[in-house]
C-alpha atoms as a PDB file:
ATOM      1  CA  MET A   1     139.950  67.987 188.121  1.00  0.00           C
ATOM      2  CA  ALA A   2     142.533  67.162 185.468  1.00  0.00           C
ATOM      3  CA  TYR A   3     142.681  69.993 182.436  1.00  0.00           C
ATOM      4  CA  ARG A   4     143.803  68.264 179.207  1.00  0.00           C
ATOM      5  CA  THR A   5     146.590  70.589 178.339  1.00  0.00           C
ATOM      6  CA  THR A   6     147.091  68.689 174.609  1.00  0.00           C
ATOM      7  CA  VAL A   7     144.989  68.838 171.700  1.00  0.00           C
ATOM      8  CA  GLN A   8     145.076  66.670 168.054  1.00  0.00           C
ATOM      9  CA  CYS A   9     146.655  68.618 165.037  1.00  0.00           C
ATOM     10  CA  GLU A  10     144.034  68.520 162.474  1.00  0.00           C
ATOM     11  CA  SER A  11     147.071  68.424 159.797  1.00  0.00           C
ATOM     12  CA  CYS A  12     149.728  65.942 161.305  1.00  0.00           C
ATOM     13  CA  GLY A  13     147.262  63.655 163.652  1.00  0.00           C
ATOM     14  CA  SER A  14     150.167  64.267 166.403  1.00  0.00           C
ATOM     15  CA  ASN A  15     149.042  64.777 170.631  1.00  0.00           C
ATOM     16  CA  ILE A  16     150.661  68.800 171.196  1.00  0.00           C
ATOM     17  CA  VAL A  17     150.657  71.735 173.138  1.00  0.00           C
ATOM     18  CA  PRO A  18     149.810  74.101 170.655  1.00  0.00           C
ATOM     19  CA  ARG A  19     152.499  76.969 170.416  1.00  0.00           C
ATOM     20  CA  MET A  20     150.654  80.733 170.412  1.00  0.00           C
ATOM     21  CA  THR A  21     152.348  83.837 168.633  1.00  0.00           C
ATOM     22  CA  PHE A  22     151.682  87.398 169.462  1.00  0.00           C
ATOM     23  CA  TYR A  23     151.353  90.471 167.546  1.00  0.00           C
ATOM     24  CA  ASN A  24     151.809  93.687 169.752  1.00  0.00           C
ATOM     25  CA  GLY A  25     150.828  92.019 172.945  1.00  0.00           C
ATOM     26  CA  ARG A  26     147.580  90.560 171.553  1.00  0.00           C
ATOM     27  CA  PRO A  27     147.592  86.834 170.431  1.00  0.00           C
ATOM     28  CA  THR A  28     147.444  86.235 166.717  1.00  0.00           C
ATOM     29  CA  ALA A  29     147.438  82.087 166.267  1.00  0.00           C
ATOM     30  CA  THR A  30     148.571  78.979 167.598  1.00  0.00           C
ATOM     31  CA  PHE A  31     150.388  76.273 165.436  1.00  0.00           C
ATOM     32  CA  CYS A  32     151.454  72.776 165.843  1.00  0.00           C
ATOM     33  CA  PRO A  33     154.801  72.641 166.814  1.00  0.00           C
ATOM     34  CA  ILE A  34     155.562  69.793 164.567  1.00  0.00           C
ATOM     35  CA  CYS A  35     154.116  69.926 161.326  1.00  0.00           C
ATOM     36  CA  GLY A  36     153.390  74.356 161.598  1.00  0.00           C
ATOM     37  CA  ALA A  37     149.639  74.241 160.398  1.00  0.00           C
ATOM     38  CA  ILE A  38     147.580  76.915 162.308  1.00  0.00           C
ATOM     39  CA  ILE A  39     145.150  75.428 165.128  1.00  0.00           C
ATOM     40  CA  GLN A  40     143.000  78.465 166.095  1.00  0.00           C
ATOM     41  CA  ASP A  41     143.510  81.870 164.242  1.00  0.00           C
ATOM     42  CA  PHE A  42     142.488  85.081 166.462  1.00  0.00           C
ATOM     43  CA  SER A  43     142.761  88.061 163.660  1.00  0.00           C
ATOM     44  CA  PRO A  44     140.014  90.141 163.095  1.00  0.00           C
ATOM     45  CA  PRO A  45     138.128  88.177 159.576  1.00  0.00           C
ATOM     46  CA  LEU A  46     139.153  91.022 157.577  1.00  0.00           C
ATOM     47  CA  PHE A  47     142.917  90.391 157.861  1.00  0.00           C
ATOM     48  CA  LYS A  48     142.128  87.172 156.769  1.00  0.00           C
ATOM     49  CA  TYR A  49     140.929  88.265 153.355  1.00  0.00           C
ATOM     50  CA  ILE A  50     143.361  90.849 152.303  1.00  0.00           C
ATOM     51  CA  PRO A  51     145.568  88.531 150.085  1.00  0.00           C
ATOM     52  CA  VAL A  52     142.527  87.187 148.417  1.00  0.00           C
ATOM     53  CA  LEU A  53     141.472  90.420 147.773  1.00  0.00           C
ATOM     54  CA  ILE A  54     144.863  91.661 146.156  1.00  0.00           C
ATOM     55  CA  PHE A  55     144.818  88.898 144.016  1.00  0.00           C
ATOM     56  CA  VAL A  56     141.153  89.651 142.573  1.00  0.00           C
ATOM     57  CA  ALA A  57     142.220  93.071 142.055  1.00  0.00           C
ATOM     58  CA  MET A  58     145.107  92.128 140.307  1.00  0.00           C
ATOM     59  CA  GLY A  59     143.646  90.060 138.224  1.00  0.00           C
ATOM     60  CA  ILE A  60     140.924  92.747 137.110  1.00  0.00           C
ATOM     61  CA  PHE A  61     143.648  95.302 136.191  1.00  0.00           C
ATOM     62  CA  LEU A  62     145.391  92.636 134.162  1.00  0.00           C
ATOM     63  CA  PHE A  63     142.250  91.870 132.038  1.00  0.00           C
ATOM     64  CA  MET A  64     141.489  95.062 132.120  1.00  0.00           C
ATOM     65  CA  GLU A  65     144.905  95.616 129.983  1.00  0.00           C
ATOM     66  CA  TYR A  66     143.984  93.579 127.665  1.00  0.00           C
END
């Protein structure tokens, strides 16, 4: 039985072999080597929302200033 080793990138449409990045020995995400789009993200859900939470906190802080 043959396994399919390529996937189609949703961003650029190319058939690619995704590249995986690691942090502390654990996979974090797979990327398209052509356009750099994230194919699959393995990070915990909380870490995905940290930039949004920081942006909202800054907005609230600035709103309270004025």
